[in-house]
Each structure stands twice: as C-alpha cells, then as structure tokens.
Amino acid sequence: MKKTFKLTHPKIKPLRVVEAIKYEVKKYLKRERRKELPKGAEFWDFDCRMGVDEESSEAVHVYDINKAIDQAESKQLESFYLEILAKPGRKIKKPREKQDAAEKDDT
C-alpha cells in the first residue's frame, strides 16, 4: 500500500477521518497476513514508511503506525503519505552462548 491520506473533509469531522484511516490500515494488514506464505517463510513482516510526502517519509515500525497517524492529526496536517510493504519473514534464533549464559544465571 502506497497512499496519501487526506485528514481534512468538508463534512466529516477530523476525528472520524482519522478513525477511518486507522481502520483501512488495520484491514489492509489483516488481509496481507491472511495471504499464503512463501516456502521457507514463517510470518509476514512489513516495511513501513510515513511522512508528509513520499520524499520526506521515514521508517516507522508497524506497531507505531497508529501513534504516527495521531501525531499527524495533532500537527494539523492536511495530508500524509503512508507506505506499507509486506515481505516474508523468518525468526532469528539467539546465539547458543547467550542461551547457555542465561540458563546458568537462573540456577
């Protein structure tokens, strides 16, 4: 999803516009997570960018999207750019040395 969202509307209150944007983002993430994973992948990961426009957008974690939308509203921006790209992800295992040290500290 690469989209510029408008936060202003002549008839709809800004709070309702923000709720609609959050709902659309949530719906998109849910739809992407339902897709079949490619072979070797364990989950869907997302690369997210947000900013005033595409050129000034910065990386945002997927869990911080709602906070970033709220910040855009509090800054009274007329619009903002949001990019969410799905990619297959794999879990990263901790190195064996750190696991052994953690087990020794517990005993």
PDB file of N, CA and C in Angstrom:
ATOM      1  N   MET A   1       0.851  -1.165   0.000  1.00  0.00           N
ATOM      2  CA  MET A   1       0.000   0.000   0.000  1.00  0.00           C
ATOM      3  C   MET A   1       0.897   1.227   0.000  1.00  0.00           C
ATOM      4  N   LYS A   2       0.701   2.064  -0.970  1.00  0.00           N
ATOM      5  CA  LYS A   2       1.374   3.353  -1.042  1.00  0.00           C
ATOM      6  C   LYS A   2       0.271   4.367  -1.280  1.00  0.00           C
ATOM      7  N   LYS A   3       0.008   5.186  -0.260  1.00  0.00           N
ATOM      8  CA  LYS A   3      -1.150   6.049  -0.371  1.00  0.00           C
ATOM      9  C   LYS A   3      -0.952   7.347   0.395  1.00  0.00           C
ATOM     10  N   THR A   4      -1.509   8.418  -0.142  1.00  0.00           N
ATOM     11  CA  THR A   4      -1.544   9.699   0.549  1.00  0.00           C
ATOM     12  C   THR A   4      -2.955   9.872   1.103  1.00  0.00           C
ATOM     13  N   PHE A   5      -3.061   9.972   2.414  1.00  0.00           N
ATOM     14  CA  PHE A   5      -4.340  10.119   3.090  1.00  0.00           C
ATOM     15  C   PHE A   5      -4.599  11.592   3.379  1.00  0.00           C
ATOM     16  N   LYS A   6      -5.822  12.039   3.162  1.00  0.00           N
ATOM     17  CA  LYS A   6      -6.210  13.407   3.492  1.00  0.00           C
ATOM     18  C   LYS A   6      -6.878  13.402   4.866  1.00  0.00           C
ATOM     19  N   LEU A   7      -6.482  14.331   5.695  1.00  0.00           N
ATOM     20  CA  LEU A   7      -7.042  14.438   7.043  1.00  0.00           C
ATOM     21  C   LEU A   7      -8.155  15.477   7.125  1.00  0.00           C
ATOM     22  N   THR A   8      -8.435  16.140   6.034  1.00  0.00           N
ATOM     23  CA  THR A   8      -9.488  17.155   6.034  1.00  0.00           C
ATOM     24  C   THR A   8     -10.610  16.730   5.103  1.00  0.00           C
ATOM     25  N   HIS A   9     -11.829  17.061   5.517  1.00  0.00           N
ATOM     26  CA  HIS A   9     -13.010  16.785   4.715  1.00  0.00           C
ATOM     27  C   HIS A   9     -14.046  17.848   5.059  1.00  0.00           C
ATOM     28  N   PRO A  10     -14.767  18.372   4.055  1.00  0.00           N
ATOM     29  CA  PRO A  10     -15.690  19.465   4.345  1.00  0.00           C
ATOM     30  C   PRO A  10     -16.857  19.083   5.255  1.00  0.00           C
ATOM     31  N   LYS A  11     -17.296  17.827   5.233  1.00  0.00           N
ATOM     32  CA  LYS A  11     -18.471  17.437   6.010  1.00  0.00           C
ATOM     33  C   LYS A  11     -18.166  16.503   7.172  1.00  0.00           C
ATOM     34  N   ILE A  12     -17.032  15.832   7.147  1.00  0.00           N
ATOM     35  CA  ILE A  12     -16.715  14.842   8.172  1.00  0.00           C
ATOM     36  C   ILE A  12     -15.725  15.439   9.160  1.00  0.00           C
ATOM     37  N   LYS A  13     -15.972  15.188  10.436  1.00  0.00           N
ATOM     38  CA  LYS A  13     -15.089  15.698  11.483  1.00  0.00           C
ATOM     39  C   LYS A  13     -13.727  15.010  11.384  1.00  0.00           C
ATOM     40  N   PRO A  14     -12.651  15.738  11.718  1.00  0.00           N
ATOM     41  CA  PRO A  14     -11.291  15.164  11.608  1.00  0.00           C
ATOM     42  C   PRO A  14     -11.103  13.878  12.411  1.00  0.00           C
ATOM     43  N   LEU A  15     -11.720  13.786  13.573  1.00  0.00           N
ATOM     44  CA  LEU A  15     -11.586  12.584  14.396  1.00  0.00           C
ATOM     45  C   LEU A  15     -12.133  11.359  13.671  1.00  0.00           C
ATOM     46  N   ARG A  16     -13.245  11.514  12.979  1.00  0.00           N
ATOM     47  CA  ARG A  16     -13.844  10.395  12.232  1.00  0.00           C
ATOM     48  C   ARG A  16     -12.992  10.027  11.020  1.00  0.00           C
ATOM     49  N   VAL A  17     -12.368  11.016  10.402  1.00  0.00           N
ATOM     50  CA  VAL A  17     -11.481  10.749   9.262  1.00  0.00           C
ATOM     51  C   VAL A  17     -10.292   9.919   9.741  1.00  0.00           C
ATOM     52  N   VAL A  18      -9.738  10.280  10.901  1.00  0.00           N
ATOM     53  CA  VAL A  18      -8.594   9.552  11.459  1.00  0.00           C
ATOM     54  C   VAL A  18      -8.996   8.114  11.782  1.00  0.00           C
ATOM     55  N   GLU A  19     -10.178   7.925  12.370  1.00  0.00           N
ATOM     56  CA  GLU A  19     -10.650   6.570  12.671  1.00  0.00           C
ATOM     57  C   GLU A  19     -10.809   5.739  11.399  1.00  0.00           C
ATOM     58  N   ALA A  20     -11.310   6.359  10.338  1.00  0.00           N
ATOM     59  CA  ALA A  20     -11.480   5.651   9.067  1.00  0.00           C
ATOM     60  C   ALA A  20     -10.131   5.248   8.481  1.00  0.00           C
ATOM     61  N   ILE A  21      -9.131   6.111   8.602  1.00  0.00           N
ATOM     62  CA  ILE A  21      -7.792   5.801   8.098  1.00  0.00           C
ATOM     63  C   ILE A  21      -7.196   4.636   8.884  1.00  0.00           C
ATOM     64  N   LYS A  22      -7.309   4.675  10.212  1.00  0.00           N
ATOM     65  CA  LYS A  22      -6.781   3.593  11.045  1.00  0.00           C
ATOM     66  C   LYS A  22      -7.463   2.276  10.706  1.00  0.00           C
ATOM     67  N   TYR A  23      -8.763   2.317  10.466  1.00  0.00           N
ATOM     68  CA  TYR A  23      -9.500   1.110  10.116  1.00  0.00           C
ATOM     69  C   TYR A  23      -9.025   0.556   8.775  1.00  0.00           C
ATOM     70  N   GLU A  24      -8.801   1.439   7.804  1.00  0.00           N
ATOM     71  CA  GLU A  24      -8.328   0.999   6.493  1.00  0.00           C
ATOM     72  C   GLU A  24      -6.954   0.344   6.590  1.00  0.00           C
ATOM     73  N   VAL A  25      -6.070   0.916   7.393  1.00  0.00           N
ATOM     74  CA  VAL A  25      -4.731   0.356   7.591  1.00  0.00           C
ATOM     75  C   VAL A  25      -4.828  -1.011   8.263  1.00  0.00           C
ATOM     76  N   LYS A  26      -5.659  -1.105   9.300  1.00  0.00           N
ATOM     77  CA  LYS A  26      -5.837  -2.367  10.019  1.00  0.00           C
ATOM     78  C   LYS A  26      -6.382  -3.441   9.082  1.00  0.00           C
ATOM     79  N   LYS A  27      -7.349  -3.071   8.252  1.00  0.00           N
ATOM     80  CA  LYS A  27      -7.941  -4.006   7.305  1.00  0.00           C
ATOM     81  C   LYS A  27      -6.909  -4.480   6.287  1.00  0.00           C
ATOM     82  N   TYR A  28      -6.052  -3.579   5.816  1.00  0.00           N
ATOM     83  CA  TYR A  28      -5.015  -3.946   4.860  1.00  0.00           C
ATOM     84  C   TYR A  28      -4.024  -4.928   5.484  1.00  0.00           C
ATOM     85  N   LEU A  29      -3.577  -4.636   6.711  1.00  0.00           N
ATOM     86  CA  LEU A  29      -2.627  -5.529   7.386  1.00  0.00           C
ATOM     87  C   LEU A  29      -3.230  -6.914   7.587  1.00  0.00           C
ATOM     88  N   LYS A  30      -4.489  -6.956   7.989  1.00  0.00           N
ATOM     89  CA  LYS A  30      -5.157  -8.235   8.214  1.00  0.00           C
ATOM     90  C   LYS A  30      -5.257  -9.029   6.905  1.00  0.00           C
ATOM     91  N   ARG A  31      -5.574  -8.349   5.819  1.00  0.00           N
ATOM     92  CA  ARG A  31      -5.684  -9.010   4.510  1.00  0.00           C
ATOM     93  C   ARG A  31      -4.328  -9.552   4.065  1.00  0.00           C
ATOM     94  N   GLU A  32      -3.261  -8.792   4.269  1.00  0.00           N
ATOM     95  CA  GLU A  32      -1.920  -9.237   3.876  1.00  0.00           C
ATOM     96  C   GLU A  32      -1.465 -10.437   4.710  1.00  0.00           C
ATOM     97  N   ARG A  33      -1.804 -10.443   5.988  1.00  0.00           N
ATOM     98  CA  ARG A  33      -1.395 -11.553   6.862  1.00  0.00           C
ATOM     99  C   ARG A  33      -2.123 -12.842   6.532  1.00  0.00           C
ATOM    100  N   ARG A  34      -3.297 -12.742   5.902  1.00  0.00           N
ATOM    101  CA  ARG A  34      -4.056 -13.940   5.520  1.00  0.00           C
ATOM    102  C   ARG A  34      -3.492 -14.617   4.282  1.00  0.00           C
ATOM    103  N   LYS A  35      -2.697 -13.914   3.510  1.00  0.00           N
ATOM    104  CA  LYS A  35      -2.149 -14.488   2.284  1.00  0.00           C
ATOM    105  C   LYS A  35      -1.231 -15.658   2.617  1.00  0.00           C
ATOM    106  N   GLU A  36      -1.131 -16.571   1.677  1.00  0.00           N
ATOM    107  CA  GLU A  36      -0.300 -17.757   1.873  1.00  0.00           C
ATOM    108  C   GLU A  36       1.171 -17.361   1.899  1.00  0.00           C
ATOM    109  N   LEU A  37       1.898 -17.916   2.860  1.00  0.00           N
ATOM    110  CA  LEU A  37       3.324 -17.620   2.999  1.00  0.00           C
ATOM    111  C   LEU A  37       4.139 -18.364   1.947  1.00  0.00           C
ATOM    112  N   PRO A  38       5.187 -17.749   1.437  1.00  0.00           N
ATOM    113  CA  PRO A  38       6.075 -18.469   0.525  1.00  0.00           C
ATOM    114  C   PRO A  38       6.844 -19.550   1.284  1.00  0.00           C
ATOM    115  N   LYS A  39       7.370 -20.499   0.563  1.00  0.00           N
ATOM    116  CA  LYS A  39       8.107 -21.591   1.183  1.00  0.00           C
ATOM    117  C   LYS A  39       9.333 -21.042   1.921  1.00  0.00           C
ATOM    118  N   GLY A  40       9.527 -21.488   3.155  1.00  0.00           N
ATOM    119  CA  GLY A  40      10.668 -21.071   3.952  1.00  0.00           C
ATOM    120  C   GLY A  40      10.379 -19.872   4.844  1.00  0.00           C
ATOM    121  N   ALA A  41       9.249 -19.226   4.667  1.00  0.00           N
ATOM    122  CA  ALA A  41       8.899 -18.064   5.496  1.00  0.00           C
ATOM    123  C   ALA A  41       8.053 -18.522   6.685  1.00  0.00           C
ATOM    124  N   GLU A  42       8.171 -17.798   7.798  1.00  0.00           N
ATOM    125  CA  GLU A  42       7.431 -18.160   9.000  1.00  0.00           C
ATOM    126  C   GLU A  42       6.319 -17.171   9.332  1.00  0.00           C
ATOM    127  N   PHE A  43       6.432 -15.949   8.834  1.00  0.00           N
ATOM    128  CA  PHE A  43       5.407 -14.939   9.095  1.00  0.00           C
ATOM    129  C   PHE A  43       5.549 -13.810   8.084  1.00  0.00           C
ATOM    130  N   TRP A  44       4.559 -12.925   8.050  1.00  0.00           N
ATOM    131  CA  TRP A  44       4.633 -11.743   7.203  1.00  0.00           C
ATOM    132  C   TRP A  44       5.223 -10.604   8.010  1.00  0.00           C
ATOM    133  N   ASP A  45       6.226  -9.959   7.451  1.00  0.00           N
ATOM    134  CA  ASP A  45       6.854  -8.789   8.053  1.00  0.00           C
ATOM    135  C   ASP A  45       6.482  -7.587   7.187  1.00  0.00           C
ATOM    136  N   PHE A  46       6.546  -6.392   7.745  1.00  0.00           N
ATOM    137  CA  PHE A  46       6.136  -5.210   6.998  1.00  0.00           C
ATOM    138  C   PHE A  46       7.198  -4.122   7.083  1.00  0.00           C
ATOM    139  N   ASP A  47       7.489  -3.521   5.939  1.00  0.00           N
ATOM    140  CA  ASP A  47       8.332  -2.327   5.869  1.00  0.00           C
ATOM    141  C   ASP A  47       7.379  -1.150   5.761  1.00  0.00           C
ATOM    142  N   CYS A  48       7.447  -0.241   6.728  1.00  0.00           N
ATOM    143  CA  CYS A  48       6.518   0.891   6.762  1.00  0.00           C
ATOM    144  C   CYS A  48       7.296   2.199   6.728  1.00  0.00           C
ATOM    145  N   ARG A  49       6.748   3.149   6.002  1.00  0.00           N
ATOM    146  CA  ARG A  49       7.312   4.494   5.923  1.00  0.00           C
ATOM    147  C   ARG A  49       6.156   5.472   6.016  1.00  0.00           C
ATOM    148  N   MET A  50       6.392   6.583   6.716  1.00  0.00           N
ATOM    149  CA  MET A  50       5.346   7.584   6.852  1.00  0.00           C
ATOM    150  C   MET A  50       5.964   8.971   6.887  1.00  0.00           C
ATOM    151  N   GLY A  51       5.288   9.933   6.286  1.00  0.00           N
ATOM    152  CA  GLY A  51       5.766  11.303   6.275  1.00  0.00           C
ATOM    153  C   GLY A  51       4.762  12.234   5.637  1.00  0.00           C
ATOM    154  N   VAL A  52       5.136  13.481   5.522  1.00  0.00           N
ATOM    155  CA  VAL A  52       4.261  14.476   4.904  1.00  0.00           C
ATOM    156  C   VAL A  52       4.064  14.149   3.423  1.00  0.00           C
ATOM    157  N   ASP A  53       5.144  13.728   2.762  1.00  0.00           N
ATOM    158  CA  ASP A  53       5.054  13.277   1.379  1.00  0.00           C
ATOM    159  C   ASP A  53       6.022  12.117   1.175  1.00  0.00           C
ATOM    160  N   GLU A  54       6.042  11.556  -0.009  1.00  0.00           N
ATOM    161  CA  GLU A  54       6.852  10.359  -0.274  1.00  0.00           C
ATOM    162  C   GLU A  54       8.342  10.612  -0.083  1.00  0.00           C
ATOM    163  N   GLU A  55       8.826  11.778  -0.483  1.00  0.00           N
ATOM    164  CA  GLU A  55      10.254  12.073  -0.392  1.00  0.00           C
ATOM    165  C   GLU A  55      10.715  12.248   1.054  1.00  0.00           C
ATOM    166  N   SER A  56       9.857  12.785   1.904  1.00  0.00           N
ATOM    167  CA  SER A  56      10.257  13.048   3.296  1.00  0.00           C
ATOM    168  C   SER A  56       9.814  11.947   4.258  1.00  0.00           C
ATOM    169  N   SER A  57       9.322  10.833   3.737  1.00  0.00           N
ATOM    170  CA  SER A  57       8.845   9.764   4.622  1.00  0.00           C
ATOM    171  C   SER A  57      10.012   9.060   5.304  1.00  0.00           C
ATOM    172  N   GLU A  58       9.768   8.637   6.545  1.00  0.00           N
ATOM    173  CA  GLU A  58      10.772   7.941   7.351  1.00  0.00           C
ATOM    174  C   GLU A  58      10.238   6.587   7.775  1.00  0.00           C
ATOM    175  N   ALA A  59      11.140   5.689   8.085  1.00  0.00           N
ATOM    176  CA  ALA A  59      10.759   4.340   8.506  1.00  0.00           C
ATOM    177  C   ALA A  59      10.008   4.390   9.837  1.00  0.00           C
ATOM    178  N   VAL A  60       8.941   3.603   9.906  1.00  0.00           N
ATOM    179  CA  VAL A  60       8.112   3.501  11.105  1.00  0.00           C
ATOM    180  C   VAL A  60       7.844   2.016  11.340  1.00  0.00           C
ATOM    181  N   HIS A  61       7.849   1.599  12.593  1.00  0.00           N
ATOM    182  CA  HIS A  61       7.518   0.213  12.899  1.00  0.00           C
ATOM    183  C   HIS A  61       6.019   0.024  12.733  1.00  0.00           C
ATOM    184  N   VAL A  62       5.612  -1.152  12.319  1.00  0.00           N
ATOM    185  CA  VAL A  62       4.206  -1.413  12.037  1.00  0.00           C
ATOM    186  C   VAL A  62       3.324  -1.153  13.264  1.00  0.00           C
ATOM    187  N   TYR A  63       3.842  -1.384  14.462  1.00  0.00           N
ATOM    188  CA  TYR A  63       3.044  -1.175  15.675  1.00  0.00           C
ATOM    189  C   TYR A  63       2.936   0.302  16.047  1.00  0.00           C
ATOM    190  N   ASP A  64       3.721   1.160  15.433  1.00  0.00           N
ATOM    191  CA  ASP A  64       3.690   2.587  15.735  1.00  0.00           C
ATOM    192  C   ASP A  64       2.917   3.396  14.696  1.00  0.00           C
ATOM    193  N   ILE A  65       2.245   2.736  13.779  1.00  0.00           N
ATOM    194  CA  ILE A  65       1.519   3.449  12.734  1.00  0.00           C
ATOM    195  C   ILE A  65       0.395   4.295  13.335  1.00  0.00           C
ATOM    196  N   ASN A  66      -0.377   3.718  14.262  1.00  0.00           N
ATOM    197  CA  ASN A  66      -1.481   4.474  14.861  1.00  0.00           C
ATOM    198  C   ASN A  66      -0.977   5.707  15.602  1.00  0.00           C
ATOM    199  N   LYS A  67       0.142   5.583  16.309  1.00  0.00           N
ATOM    200  CA  LYS A  67       0.717   6.729  17.009  1.00  0.00           C
ATOM    201  C   LYS A  67       1.147   7.797  16.009  1.00  0.00           C
ATOM    202  N   ALA A  68       1.720   7.374  14.893  1.00  0.00           N
ATOM    203  CA  ALA A  68       2.171   8.318  13.875  1.00  0.00           C
ATOM    204  C   ALA A  68       0.981   9.035  13.230  1.00  0.00           C
ATOM    205  N   ILE A  69      -0.122   8.317  13.044  1.00  0.00           N
ATOM    206  CA  ILE A  69      -1.330   8.937  12.497  1.00  0.00           C
ATOM    207  C   ILE A  69      -1.869   9.976  13.481  1.00  0.00           C
ATOM    208  N   ASP A  70      -1.867   9.636  14.768  1.00  0.00           N
ATOM    209  CA  ASP A  70      -2.309  10.585  15.797  1.00  0.00           C
ATOM    210  C   ASP A  70      -1.416  11.823  15.825  1.00  0.00           C
ATOM    211  N   GLN A  71      -0.115  11.632  15.653  1.00  0.00           N
ATOM    212  CA  GLN A  71       0.800  12.774  15.622  1.00  0.00           C
ATOM    213  C   GLN A  71       0.539  13.663  14.406  1.00  0.00           C
ATOM    214  N   ALA A  72       0.232  13.049  13.275  1.00  0.00           N
ATOM    215  CA  ALA A  72      -0.085  13.829  12.073  1.00  0.00           C
ATOM    216  C   ALA A  72      -1.344  14.664  12.309  1.00  0.00           C
ATOM    217  N   GLU A  73      -2.311  14.085  13.007  1.00  0.00           N
ATOM    218  CA  GLU A  73      -3.539  14.834  13.322  1.00  0.00           C
ATOM    219  C   GLU A  73      -3.240  15.973  14.295  1.00  0.00           C
ATOM    220  N   SER A  74      -2.422  15.706  15.308  1.00  0.00           N
ATOM    221  CA  SER A  74      -2.116  16.744  16.298  1.00  0.00           C
ATOM    222  C   SER A  74      -1.310  17.894  15.682  1.00  0.00           C
ATOM    223  N   LYS A  75      -0.518  17.598  14.643  1.00  0.00           N
ATOM    224  CA  LYS A  75       0.221  18.649  13.935  1.00  0.00           C
ATOM    225  C   LYS A  75      -0.674  19.396  12.943  1.00  0.00           C
ATOM    226  N   GLN A  76      -1.922  18.957  12.832  1.00  0.00           N
ATOM    227  CA  GLN A  76      -2.928  19.543  11.945  1.00  0.00           C
ATOM    228  C   GLN A  76      -2.475  19.551  10.485  1.00  0.00           C
ATOM    229  N   LEU A  77      -1.891  18.429  10.065  1.00  0.00           N
ATOM    230  CA  LEU A  77      -1.502  18.281   8.659  1.00  0.00           C
ATOM    231  C   LEU A  77      -2.755  18.084   7.809  1.00  0.00           C
ATOM    232  N   GLU A  78      -2.718  18.540   6.585  1.00  0.00           N
ATOM    233  CA  GLU A  78      -3.855  18.328   5.692  1.00  0.00           C
ATOM    234  C   GLU A  78      -3.837  16.928   5.096  1.00  0.00           C
ATOM    235  N   SER A  79      -2.625  16.368   4.935  1.00  0.00           N
ATOM    236  CA  SER A  79      -2.492  15.016   4.403  1.00  0.00           C
ATOM    237  C   SER A  79      -1.143  14.442   4.831  1.00  0.00           C
ATOM    238  N   PHE A  80      -1.020  13.123   4.696  1.00  0.00           N
ATOM    239  CA  PHE A  80       0.247  12.454   4.971  1.00  0.00           C
ATOM    240  C   PHE A  80       0.376  11.247   4.056  1.00  0.00           C
ATOM    241  N   TYR A  81       1.610  10.804   3.870  1.00  0.00           N
ATOM    242  CA  TYR A  81       1.920   9.668   2.999  1.00  0.00           C
ATOM    243  C   TYR A  81       2.216   8.458   3.874  1.00  0.00           C
ATOM    244  N   LEU A  82       1.636   7.313   3.519  1.00  0.00           N
ATOM    245  CA  LEU A  82       1.875   6.067   4.250  1.00  0.00           C
ATOM    246  C   LEU A  82       2.173   4.963   3.250  1.00  0.00           C
ATOM    247  N   GLU A  83       3.255   4.235   3.518  1.00  0.00           N
ATOM    248  CA  GLU A  83       3.666   3.122   2.655  1.00  0.00           C
ATOM    249  C   GLU A  83       3.836   1.895   3.529  1.00  0.00           C
ATOM    250  N   ILE A  84       3.151   0.817   3.172  1.00  0.00           N
ATOM    251  CA  ILE A  84       3.274  -0.453   3.891  1.00  0.00           C
ATOM    252  C   ILE A  84       3.526  -1.534   2.847  1.00  0.00           C
ATOM    253  N   LEU A  85       4.682  -2.180   2.947  1.00  0.00           N
ATOM    254  CA  LEU A  85       5.044  -3.240   2.014  1.00  0.00           C
ATOM    255  C   LEU A  85       5.258  -4.534   2.781  1.00  0.00           C
ATOM    256  N   ALA A  86       4.560  -5.586   2.373  1.00  0.00           N
ATOM    257  CA  ALA A  86       4.671  -6.886   3.024  1.00  0.00           C
ATOM    258  C   ALA A  86       5.865  -7.647   2.464  1.00  0.00           C
ATOM    259  N   LYS A  87       6.543  -8.360   3.365  1.00  0.00           N
ATOM    260  CA  LYS A  87       7.655  -9.214   2.939  1.00  0.00           C
ATOM    261  C   LYS A  87       7.662 -10.446   3.847  1.00  0.00           C
ATOM    262  N   PRO A  88       8.105 -11.592   3.326  1.00  0.00           N
ATOM    263  CA  PRO A  88       8.167 -12.783   4.168  1.00  0.00           C
ATOM    264  C   PRO A  88       9.271 -12.645   5.215  1.00  0.00           C
ATOM    265  N   GLY A  89       9.010 -13.146   6.417  1.00  0.00           N
ATOM    266  CA  GLY A  89       9.991 -13.044   7.492  1.00  0.00           C
ATOM    267  C   GLY A  89      10.321 -14.389   8.103  1.00  0.00           C
ATOM    268  N   ARG A  90      11.486 -14.445   8.717  1.00  0.00           N
ATOM    269  CA  ARG A  90      11.930 -15.650   9.419  1.00  0.00           C
ATOM    270  C   ARG A  90      12.365 -15.243  10.811  1.00  0.00           C
ATOM    271  N   LYS A  91      12.121 -16.131  11.764  1.00  0.00           N
ATOM    272  CA  LYS A  91      12.540 -15.877  13.141  1.00  0.00           C
ATOM    273  C   LYS A  91      14.052 -16.018  13.242  1.00  0.00           C
ATOM    274  N   ILE A  92      14.645 -15.166  14.045  1.00  0.00           N
ATOM    275  CA  ILE A  92      16.091 -15.208  14.248  1.00  0.00           C
ATOM    276  C   ILE A  92      16.348 -15.851  15.601  1.00  0.00           C
ATOM    277  N   LYS A  93      17.142 -16.909  15.611  1.00  0.00           N
ATOM    278  CA  LYS A  93      17.462 -17.594  16.864  1.00  0.00           C
ATOM    279  C   LYS A  93      18.623 -16.895  17.544  1.00  0.00           C
ATOM    280  N   LYS A  94      18.586 -16.901  18.866  1.00  0.00           N
ATOM    281  CA  LYS A  94      19.684 -16.320  19.636  1.00  0.00           C
ATOM    282  C   LYS A  94      20.914 -17.207  19.509  1.00  0.00           C
ATOM    283  N   PRO A  95      22.085 -16.608  19.588  1.00  0.00           N
ATOM    284  CA  PRO A  95      23.303 -17.429  19.576  1.00  0.00           C
ATOM    285  C   PRO A  95      23.327 -18.355  20.786  1.00  0.00           C
ATOM    286  N   ARG A  96      23.911 -19.493  20.625  1.00  0.00           N
ATOM    287  CA  ARG A  96      23.926 -20.530  21.663  1.00  0.00           C
ATOM    288  C   ARG A  96      24.619 -20.041  22.935  1.00  0.00           C
ATOM    289  N   GLU A  97      25.651 -19.225  22.830  1.00  0.00           N
ATOM    290  CA  GLU A  97      26.399 -18.757  24.002  1.00  0.00           C
ATOM    291  C   GLU A  97      25.516 -17.945  24.939  1.00  0.00           C
ATOM    292  N   LYS A  98      24.676 -17.095  24.402  1.00  0.00           N
ATOM    293  CA  LYS A  98      23.814 -16.269  25.242  1.00  0.00           C
ATOM    294  C   LYS A  98      22.758 -17.116  25.938  1.00  0.00           C
ATOM    295  N   GLN A  99      22.261 -18.148  25.270  1.00  0.00           N
ATOM    296  CA  GLN A  99      21.273 -19.033  25.881  1.00  0.00           C
ATOM    297  C   GLN A  99      21.898 -19.795  27.048  1.00  0.00           C
ATOM    298  N   ASP A 100      23.125 -20.280  26.871  1.00  0.00           N
ATOM    299  CA  ASP A 100      23.799 -21.017  27.942  1.00  0.00           C
ATOM    300  C   ASP A 100      24.054 -20.110  29.134  1.00  0.00           C
ATOM    301  N   ALA A 101      24.477 -18.892  28.919  1.00  0.00           N
ATOM    302  CA  ALA A 101      24.747 -17.950  29.999  1.00  0.00           C
ATOM    303  C   ALA A 101      23.465 -17.612  30.743  1.00  0.00           C
ATOM    304  N   ALA A 102      22.360 -17.488  30.043  1.00  0.00           N
ATOM    305  CA  ALA A 102      21.082 -17.174  30.685  1.00  0.00           C
ATOM    306  C   ALA A 102      20.624 -18.338  31.562  1.00  0.00           C
ATOM    307  N   GLU A 103      20.855 -19.573  31.117  1.00  0.00           N
ATOM    308  CA  GLU A 103      20.465 -20.739  31.889  1.00  0.00           C
ATOM    309  C   GLU A 103      21.308 -20.867  33.153  1.00  0.00           C
ATOM    310  N   LYS A 104      22.578 -20.544  33.087  1.00  0.00           N
ATOM    311  CA  LYS A 104      23.459 -20.616  34.240  1.00  0.00           C
ATOM    312  C   LYS A 104      23.071 -19.574  35.293  1.00  0.00           C
ATOM    313  N   ASP A 105      22.632 -18.400  34.851  1.00  0.00           N
ATOM    314  CA  ASP A 105      22.235 -17.354  35.796  1.00  0.00           C
ATOM    315  C   ASP A 105      20.961 -17.735  36.536  1.00  0.00           C
ATOM    316  N   ASP A 106      20.102 -18.532  35.964  1.00  0.00           N
ATOM    317  CA  ASP A 106      18.848 -18.928  36.592  1.00  0.00           C
ATOM    318  C   ASP A 106      19.075 -19.913  37.748  1.00  0.00           C
ATOM    319  N   THR A 107      20.124 -20.693  37.676  1.00  0.00           N
ATOM    320  CA  THR A 107      20.337 -21.720  38.705  1.00  0.00           C
ATOM    321  C   THR A 107      21.094 -21.220  39.889  1.00  0.00           C
TER     322      THR A 107
END
